[in-house]
Amino acid sequence: MLRLFISVIFIFTLGSSNAVDAEKGTTENAIMDPRITEIDEPIIIAKKFTFSSEILGNERTFYVHLPKGYHQSNQSYPVLFITDGERKTLRIASVTHELSYFAKRIPPMIVVGIANDGTRRENLSLLPSSMQFLSFITKELKPYIHQQYRTNDENLFLGSSAGGQFAIRALLETPEEFDAYFAISPSLYYNDYHLEKKAKELALTKQQLDKTLYLSLGNEGIVMGVDEFALNLAKYPIKGLRWTFTKVEEETHGSISMKQAYNGLQNYYSSWAPTHFNNVNDFERKGGLAALKAKYENETPAVVPFKVLNSIANLYFYSNYYQQGIELALLNIKNHPNSIFAKYNLAEFYGDIDNHEKALNYYQQALDIATLNKNPKRVKTLKQTIEKYKLKLN
């Protein structure tokens, strides 16, 4: 049985045990200052739930972070499951939000933080109880998440320290459950390097995994068993396993997790993210427009996304390749005929080269689309832009 435990968790209540008292103090001080008005619009990071687990025989806490725009779209999303949810949900959700919403380096995703509920050793160690915890995740929690939320078929698993060890155990014990595993500074020296031996046994079976592992290690000051595990993987490769090992000497055990989550997710989705080009020569050296079209030919729709092609058009135009930039902007309009910004961007190009007639024409086309879409804010802005442009000409 699943029930809602706490309705919402705010950004200021995930930080520390003193956060609630600090919040009360800040609010009281704000009310006393006549210049300040408190707005009851908190930034919601995640919701907190409990799950009555038949496998574990108790209630377990988990957190769900939904990507920006989830409730305004019909899109389906990947799911990132993380250990130590009571501590890591805020941090990792911040990483996924930054990389997806602003940077556009990874797709938006749902983050599920699985809490320990005071049983971290039992959950994440090599004890038999950790296999029960893994079964809870794969047989109860994961199916519920996919039933309750709009998800696609992509599942990722991330953990650090003991959670990193658990991520590797999940890879070796249930490789079919997740597509990629992120093990950040995992503690792999327990039980006489048991997981290293387990990896060797799996390699010798020649089982095809077709999975990805991101293994990393901070400046620990002690032997963590990670170097030895990486050497073992190189010596006894697991068939189909794509893996990387990164040593991050400038980070400690406590500081490495956000950085490696950030780097690992970007690396995993490198083929998803728009390719970055340093300049026009770099773009053409990497295949130019033909390569860009080929990258998206199997997408729906099978056209280069507006923002990607717009950035390439800008790259050409503002490198003084005016005609090529305009041709790319026209292609963007052909691909996205109802885009206000495609028309607006081309109007800006024509304005910069003093082709005022065409500039005004495309500003007007942008205004027409905004009017048709009943977008009063854009209508107002575009009307002001057109009036200012006409005044400048006079």
Protein backbone atom coordinates (compact mmCIF):
# COMPACT_ATOMS: atom_id res chain seq x y z
CA MET A 1 0.00 0.00 0.00
CA LEU A 2 1.29 3.42 -0.94
CA ARG A 3 0.32 6.58 0.85
CA LEU A 4 1.41 10.20 0.78
CA PHE A 5 3.50 10.93 3.85
CA ILE A 6 4.43 14.60 3.49
CA SER A 7 2.81 16.58 0.71
CA VAL A 8 5.73 18.65 -0.50
CA ILE A 9 9.35 19.31 0.31
CA PHE A 10 10.63 22.78 -0.28
CA ILE A 11 14.14 23.76 -1.21
CA PHE A 12 14.67 25.24 2.25
CA THR A 13 13.48 22.16 4.12
CA LEU A 14 15.82 19.66 2.49
CA GLY A 15 18.97 21.40 3.54
CA SER A 16 19.50 20.79 7.24
CA SER A 17 17.80 19.95 10.52
CA ASN A 18 17.73 23.64 11.46
CA ALA A 19 16.14 24.76 8.21
CA VAL A 20 12.58 24.93 9.57
CA ASP A 21 13.59 27.12 12.51
CA ALA A 22 15.63 29.30 10.17
CA GLU A 23 12.60 29.59 7.90
CA LYS A 24 10.38 30.70 10.78
CA GLY A 25 12.87 33.29 11.89
CA THR A 26 13.25 34.68 8.39
CA THR A 27 9.48 34.89 7.92
CA GLU A 28 8.94 36.68 11.22
CA ASN A 29 11.67 39.20 10.43
CA ALA A 30 10.24 39.74 6.95
CA ILE A 31 6.75 40.46 8.31
CA MET A 32 8.19 43.02 10.73
CA ASP A 33 9.79 44.92 7.84
CA PRO A 34 7.09 46.94 5.99
CA ARG A 35 9.11 46.79 2.75
CA ILE A 36 8.80 43.02 2.53
CA THR A 37 5.81 40.99 1.41
CA GLU A 38 5.98 37.21 1.71
CA ILE A 39 4.70 35.44 -1.41
CA ASP A 40 3.28 31.99 -0.74
CA GLU A 41 4.88 30.40 -3.79
CA PRO A 42 7.60 28.03 -2.52
CA ILE A 43 10.04 26.35 -4.87
CA ILE A 44 9.00 22.70 -4.80
CA ILE A 45 11.83 20.24 -5.33
CA ALA A 46 10.19 16.91 -4.59
CA LYS A 47 7.31 15.11 -2.97
CA LYS A 48 7.84 12.63 -0.19
CA PHE A 49 6.03 9.30 0.06
CA THR A 50 6.10 6.08 2.04
CA PHE A 51 5.69 2.65 0.51
CA SER A 52 4.42 -0.29 2.58
CA SER A 53 6.73 -2.96 1.22
CA GLU A 54 5.74 -6.61 1.29
CA ILE A 55 9.29 -7.62 0.44
CA LEU A 56 10.88 -5.67 3.31
CA GLY A 57 7.96 -6.00 5.71
CA ASN A 58 8.01 -2.30 6.61
CA GLU A 59 7.38 1.19 5.29
CA ARG A 60 10.08 2.79 3.15
CA THR A 61 10.44 6.44 2.28
CA PHE A 62 11.08 7.75 -1.21
CA TYR A 63 11.08 11.15 -2.93
CA VAL A 64 9.93 12.02 -6.43
CA HIS A 65 11.21 15.03 -8.37
CA LEU A 66 9.31 15.80 -11.58
CA PRO A 67 10.98 17.82 -14.35
CA LYS A 68 9.86 21.35 -15.11
CA GLY A 69 6.79 21.35 -17.34
CA TYR A 70 5.78 17.77 -16.50
CA HIS A 71 2.14 18.67 -15.83
CA GLN A 72 1.91 20.87 -18.94
CA SER A 73 3.06 18.21 -21.41
CA ASN A 74 2.31 14.68 -22.59
CA GLN A 75 5.99 13.80 -22.82
CA SER A 76 7.40 10.59 -21.34
CA TYR A 77 10.61 10.77 -19.34
CA PRO A 78 13.63 8.68 -18.29
CA VAL A 79 13.85 7.83 -14.60
CA LEU A 80 16.98 8.25 -12.47
CA PHE A 81 16.89 6.21 -9.25
CA ILE A 82 19.33 7.29 -6.54
CA THR A 83 20.35 5.92 -3.17
CA ASP A 84 20.53 7.98 0.05
CA GLY A 85 17.45 9.88 -1.10
CA GLU A 86 17.04 11.82 2.13
CA ARG A 87 20.39 13.52 1.44
CA LYS A 88 20.85 13.27 -2.30
CA THR A 89 17.46 14.17 -3.81
CA LEU A 90 17.99 17.93 -3.58
CA ARG A 91 21.53 17.72 -4.98
CA ILE A 92 20.88 15.39 -7.88
CA ALA A 93 17.58 17.01 -8.84
CA SER A 94 19.48 20.30 -9.03
CA VAL A 95 21.95 18.67 -11.42
CA THR A 96 19.29 17.17 -13.69
CA HIS A 97 17.31 20.43 -13.74
CA GLU A 98 20.36 22.51 -14.66
CA LEU A 99 21.51 20.12 -17.38
CA SER A 100 18.08 19.59 -18.94
CA TYR A 101 16.18 22.84 -18.55
CA PHE A 102 18.91 25.43 -19.07
CA ALA A 103 21.92 23.69 -20.61
CA LYS A 104 19.92 21.29 -22.84
CA ARG A 105 22.66 18.69 -22.41
CA ILE A 106 20.40 15.86 -21.16
CA PRO A 107 16.68 15.14 -21.53
CA PRO A 108 14.37 16.17 -18.69
CA MET A 109 13.97 13.28 -16.27
CA ILE A 110 12.17 12.05 -13.20
CA VAL A 111 14.41 11.60 -10.14
CA VAL A 112 13.44 9.03 -7.51
CA GLY A 113 15.41 9.32 -4.26
CA ILE A 114 15.24 6.16 -2.13
CA ALA A 115 15.75 6.87 1.56
CA ASN A 116 17.50 4.62 4.06
CA ASP A 117 15.09 5.09 6.97
CA GLY A 118 17.90 4.51 9.47
CA THR A 119 18.99 1.22 7.91
CA ARG A 120 21.77 2.36 5.58
CA ARG A 121 24.13 -0.49 6.45
CA GLU A 122 21.41 -3.11 5.91
CA ASN A 123 20.34 -1.45 2.64
CA LEU A 124 23.63 -0.70 0.92
CA SER A 125 26.17 -3.21 2.26
CA LEU A 126 26.96 -6.69 1.00
CA LEU A 127 24.71 -8.27 3.63
CA PRO A 128 21.81 -10.46 2.43
CA SER A 129 19.46 -7.66 3.51
CA SER A 130 20.78 -5.46 0.71
CA MET A 131 19.49 -7.98 -1.83
CA GLN A 132 16.06 -7.61 -0.24
CA PHE A 133 16.41 -3.85 -0.61
CA LEU A 134 17.36 -4.28 -4.26
CA SER A 135 14.32 -6.50 -4.76
CA PHE A 136 12.13 -3.83 -3.19
CA ILE A 137 13.48 -1.30 -5.69
CA THR A 138 13.18 -3.48 -8.79
CA LYS A 139 10.00 -5.44 -7.99
CA GLU A 140 7.91 -2.90 -6.06
CA LEU A 141 9.10 0.69 -6.33
CA LYS A 142 10.23 0.73 -9.96
CA PRO A 143 7.01 -0.81 -11.32
CA TYR A 144 4.98 1.67 -9.26
CA ILE A 145 6.92 4.64 -10.66
CA HIS A 146 6.34 3.46 -14.22
CA GLN A 147 2.67 2.92 -13.53
CA GLN A 148 2.10 6.22 -11.75
CA TYR A 149 4.14 8.60 -13.94
CA ARG A 150 4.71 9.16 -17.65
CA THR A 151 7.96 7.31 -18.19
CA ASN A 152 9.77 5.89 -21.17
CA ASP A 153 11.77 2.67 -21.08
CA GLU A 154 15.02 4.26 -19.89
CA ASN A 155 16.11 3.64 -16.29
CA LEU A 156 19.30 4.89 -14.66
CA PHE A 157 20.77 4.10 -11.25
CA LEU A 158 23.17 6.30 -9.27
CA GLY A 159 24.86 5.96 -5.90
CA SER A 160 27.94 7.22 -4.09
CA SER A 161 30.09 5.74 -1.33
CA ALA A 162 28.14 2.74 0.00
CA GLY A 163 25.46 3.70 -2.52
CA GLY A 164 28.09 3.39 -5.26
CA GLN A 165 28.93 -0.10 -4.03
CA PHE A 166 25.21 -0.88 -4.14
CA ALA A 167 24.98 0.45 -7.72
CA ILE A 168 27.71 -1.97 -8.80
CA ARG A 169 26.01 -4.80 -6.97
CA ALA A 170 22.79 -3.91 -8.80
CA LEU A 171 24.69 -4.02 -12.11
CA LEU A 172 26.17 -7.44 -11.36
CA GLU A 173 23.05 -8.98 -9.82
CA THR A 174 20.25 -7.42 -11.91
CA PRO A 175 21.85 -5.96 -15.06
CA GLU A 176 18.53 -6.12 -16.92
CA GLU A 177 16.85 -3.60 -14.61
CA PHE A 178 18.74 -0.42 -15.54
CA ASP A 179 20.39 0.96 -18.66
CA ALA A 180 23.25 2.83 -17.00
CA TYR A 181 24.87 2.65 -13.57
CA PHE A 182 26.76 5.52 -11.93
CA ALA A 183 29.04 4.37 -9.09
CA ILE A 184 30.70 7.39 -7.49
CA SER A 185 33.60 6.68 -5.11
CA PRO A 186 32.13 3.28 -4.22
CA SER A 187 33.38 1.41 -1.19
CA LEU A 188 34.57 -1.80 -2.86
CA TYR A 189 37.00 -3.17 -0.31
CA TYR A 190 34.37 -4.91 1.82
CA ASN A 191 34.15 -8.69 2.17
CA ASP A 192 37.60 -9.22 0.71
CA TYR A 193 36.77 -7.45 -2.59
CA HIS A 194 33.66 -9.56 -3.10
CA LEU A 195 32.30 -7.47 -6.00
CA GLU A 196 35.59 -7.68 -7.88
CA LYS A 197 35.34 -11.46 -7.72
CA LYS A 198 31.67 -11.30 -8.72
CA ALA A 199 32.56 -9.19 -11.79
CA LYS A 200 35.21 -11.73 -12.82
CA GLU A 201 32.71 -14.57 -12.50
CA LEU A 202 30.23 -12.68 -14.67
CA ALA A 203 32.90 -11.97 -17.28
CA LEU A 204 33.78 -15.66 -17.51
CA THR A 205 30.14 -16.57 -18.24
CA LYS A 206 30.35 -14.50 -21.46
CA GLN A 207 26.88 -13.10 -20.69
CA GLN A 208 26.04 -10.13 -22.95
CA LEU A 209 25.09 -7.11 -20.83
CA ASP A 210 24.82 -4.17 -23.24
CA LYS A 211 24.89 -1.76 -20.29
CA THR A 212 26.94 1.30 -19.26
CA LEU A 213 28.92 1.84 -16.06
CA TYR A 214 30.41 5.15 -14.95
CA LEU A 215 32.98 4.44 -12.25
CA SER A 216 34.75 7.29 -10.45
CA LEU A 217 37.00 7.87 -7.45
CA GLY A 218 37.83 10.96 -5.43
CA ASN A 219 40.93 11.73 -3.39
CA GLU A 220 40.05 9.34 -0.59
CA GLY A 221 43.22 9.00 1.45
CA ILE A 222 42.47 5.30 1.91
CA VAL A 223 42.27 2.27 -0.35
CA MET A 224 38.67 2.02 -1.60
CA GLY A 225 39.15 -0.98 -3.87
CA VAL A 226 38.07 1.00 -6.94
CA ASP A 227 41.46 0.93 -8.69
CA GLU A 228 41.57 -2.80 -8.21
CA PHE A 229 38.02 -3.21 -9.52
CA ALA A 230 38.85 -1.18 -12.64
CA LEU A 231 41.98 -3.26 -13.28
CA ASN A 232 39.90 -6.40 -12.90
CA LEU A 233 37.34 -5.11 -15.44
CA ALA A 234 40.14 -4.41 -17.90
CA LYS A 235 41.68 -7.84 -17.37
CA TYR A 236 38.36 -9.71 -17.42
CA PRO A 237 36.04 -7.63 -19.60
CA ILE A 238 32.32 -8.22 -19.23
CA LYS A 239 30.86 -8.78 -22.68
CA GLY A 240 28.91 -5.77 -23.94
CA LEU A 241 29.62 -3.60 -20.87
CA ARG A 242 30.66 -0.06 -21.78
CA TRP A 243 32.51 1.49 -18.86
CA THR A 244 34.72 4.39 -17.91
CA PHE A 245 36.85 5.01 -14.85
CA THR A 246 37.60 8.58 -13.80
CA LYS A 247 39.91 9.61 -10.95
CA VAL A 248 39.11 13.07 -9.62
CA GLU A 249 42.07 14.03 -7.43
CA GLU A 250 40.75 17.51 -6.62
CA GLU A 251 37.55 16.15 -5.03
CA THR A 252 37.11 14.43 -1.67
CA HIS A 253 34.76 11.64 -0.71
CA GLY A 254 32.24 14.23 0.41
CA SER A 255 32.47 16.59 -2.56
CA ILE A 256 32.66 14.31 -5.58
CA SER A 257 29.05 13.18 -6.02
CA MET A 258 27.48 16.28 -7.63
CA LYS A 259 30.43 16.81 -9.97
CA GLN A 260 30.45 13.23 -11.19
CA ALA A 261 26.67 13.08 -11.51
CA TYR A 262 26.96 16.22 -13.65
CA ASN A 263 29.79 14.82 -15.77
CA GLY A 264 28.47 11.28 -16.01
CA LEU A 265 24.97 12.26 -17.12
CA GLN A 266 26.38 14.59 -19.77
CA ASN A 267 28.65 11.83 -21.05
CA TYR A 268 25.87 9.26 -21.15
CA TYR A 269 23.64 11.61 -23.14
CA SER A 270 26.39 13.01 -25.37
CA SER A 271 24.69 11.68 -28.50
CA TRP A 272 21.36 13.19 -27.38
CA ALA A 273 22.64 16.71 -26.76
CA PRO A 274 23.09 19.16 -29.62
CA THR A 275 26.65 19.05 -30.88
CA HIS A 276 28.72 22.05 -29.87
CA PHE A 277 30.74 23.76 -32.57
CA ASN A 278 33.53 26.21 -31.81
CA ASN A 279 33.24 28.06 -35.11
CA VAL A 280 32.12 27.71 -38.74
CA ASN A 281 35.22 25.70 -39.68
CA ASP A 282 34.61 23.31 -36.80
CA PHE A 283 30.99 22.84 -37.92
CA GLU A 284 31.98 22.09 -41.50
CA ARG A 285 34.84 19.84 -40.42
CA LYS A 286 32.31 17.73 -38.48
CA GLY A 287 30.15 17.23 -41.54
CA GLY A 288 28.21 20.48 -41.72
CA LEU A 289 24.49 20.63 -42.43
CA ALA A 290 24.37 17.15 -43.98
CA ALA A 291 25.70 15.54 -40.78
CA LEU A 292 23.33 17.63 -38.69
CA LYS A 293 20.32 16.52 -40.75
CA ALA A 294 21.45 12.88 -40.56
CA LYS A 295 21.60 13.07 -36.76
CA TYR A 296 17.88 13.88 -36.56
CA GLU A 297 16.54 11.93 -39.55
CA ASN A 298 15.06 9.21 -37.33
CA GLU A 299 13.42 11.65 -34.93
CA THR A 300 9.77 12.71 -35.00
CA PRO A 301 9.53 15.13 -36.71
CA ALA A 302 12.62 14.31 -38.78
CA VAL A 303 14.01 17.84 -38.83
CA VAL A 304 16.82 19.63 -37.01
CA PRO A 305 15.36 21.16 -33.81
CA PHE A 306 14.74 24.89 -33.96
CA LYS A 307 17.26 25.87 -31.28
CA VAL A 308 20.01 23.76 -32.82
CA LEU A 309 19.61 25.15 -36.33
CA ASN A 310 19.12 28.66 -34.96
CA SER A 311 22.45 28.47 -33.15
CA ILE A 312 24.18 27.34 -36.38
CA ALA A 313 22.52 30.15 -38.35
CA ASN A 314 23.79 32.63 -35.74
CA LEU A 315 27.23 31.06 -35.91
CA TYR A 316 27.44 31.74 -39.65
CA PHE A 317 25.77 35.14 -39.68
CA TYR A 318 27.80 36.65 -36.86
CA SER A 319 30.99 35.25 -38.38
CA ASN A 320 30.18 37.51 -41.36
CA TYR A 321 28.88 34.66 -43.54
CA TYR A 322 25.64 36.58 -43.96
CA GLN A 323 24.10 34.70 -46.88
CA GLN A 324 24.74 31.28 -45.35
CA GLY A 325 23.26 32.44 -42.05
CA ILE A 326 20.13 33.72 -43.82
CA GLU A 327 19.77 30.47 -45.79
CA LEU A 328 19.90 28.47 -42.56
CA ALA A 329 17.36 30.80 -40.95
CA LEU A 330 15.07 30.29 -43.95
CA LEU A 331 15.47 26.52 -43.56
CA ASN A 332 14.48 26.89 -39.93
CA ILE A 333 11.30 28.69 -41.00
CA LYS A 334 10.57 25.93 -43.52
CA ASN A 335 11.02 23.29 -40.79
CA HIS A 336 9.16 25.28 -38.14
CA PRO A 337 6.68 27.50 -40.03
CA ASN A 338 4.67 28.40 -36.92
CA SER A 339 7.65 29.50 -34.85
CA ILE A 340 7.55 33.15 -33.78
CA PHE A 341 11.23 33.04 -32.99
CA ALA A 342 12.24 31.63 -36.40
CA LYS A 343 10.58 34.62 -38.08
CA TYR A 344 11.95 37.05 -35.51
CA ASN A 345 15.50 35.79 -35.84
CA LEU A 346 15.44 36.19 -39.62
CA ALA A 347 14.02 39.71 -39.21
CA GLU A 348 16.98 40.52 -36.97
CA PHE A 349 19.39 39.21 -39.61
CA TYR A 350 17.86 41.37 -42.34
CA GLY A 351 17.87 44.38 -40.03
CA ASP A 352 21.57 43.94 -39.32
CA ILE A 353 22.38 44.10 -43.04
CA ASP A 354 19.99 47.04 -43.61
CA ASN A 355 17.44 45.12 -45.67
CA HIS A 356 14.64 47.00 -43.92
CA GLU A 357 11.79 45.85 -46.13
CA LYS A 358 12.45 42.17 -45.44
CA ALA A 359 13.16 42.86 -41.78
CA LEU A 360 9.74 44.51 -41.32
CA ASN A 361 8.10 41.74 -43.33
CA TYR A 362 9.40 39.01 -41.01
CA TYR A 363 8.70 41.03 -37.86
CA GLN A 364 5.11 41.32 -39.11
CA GLN A 365 4.94 37.58 -39.81
CA ALA A 366 6.10 36.92 -36.26
CA LEU A 367 3.41 39.31 -34.98
CA ASP A 368 0.75 37.55 -37.06
CA ILE A 369 1.65 34.19 -35.51
CA ALA A 370 1.59 35.66 -32.00
CA THR A 371 -1.83 37.18 -32.69
CA LEU A 372 -3.15 33.90 -34.08
CA ASN A 373 -1.83 32.06 -31.03
CA LYS A 374 -3.48 34.61 -28.72
CA ASN A 375 -0.19 35.41 -27.02
CA PRO A 376 -0.75 38.96 -25.71
CA LYS A 377 2.71 39.31 -24.21
CA ARG A 378 4.42 38.49 -27.51
CA VAL A 379 1.94 40.64 -29.44
CA LYS A 380 2.75 43.64 -27.27
CA THR A 381 6.52 43.10 -27.53
CA LEU A 382 6.47 42.64 -31.31
CA LYS A 383 4.28 45.69 -31.86
CA GLN A 384 6.76 47.74 -29.84
CA THR A 385 9.66 46.25 -31.84
CA ILE A 386 8.00 47.15 -35.16
CA GLU A 387 7.19 50.70 -34.04
CA LYS A 388 10.75 51.27 -32.82
CA TYR A 389 12.14 49.91 -36.09
CA LYS A 390 9.94 52.23 -38.13
CA LEU A 391 10.96 55.23 -35.99
CA LYS A 392 14.63 54.36 -36.51
CA LEU A 393 14.11 54.39 -40.27
CA ASN A 394 12.51 57.83 -40.12
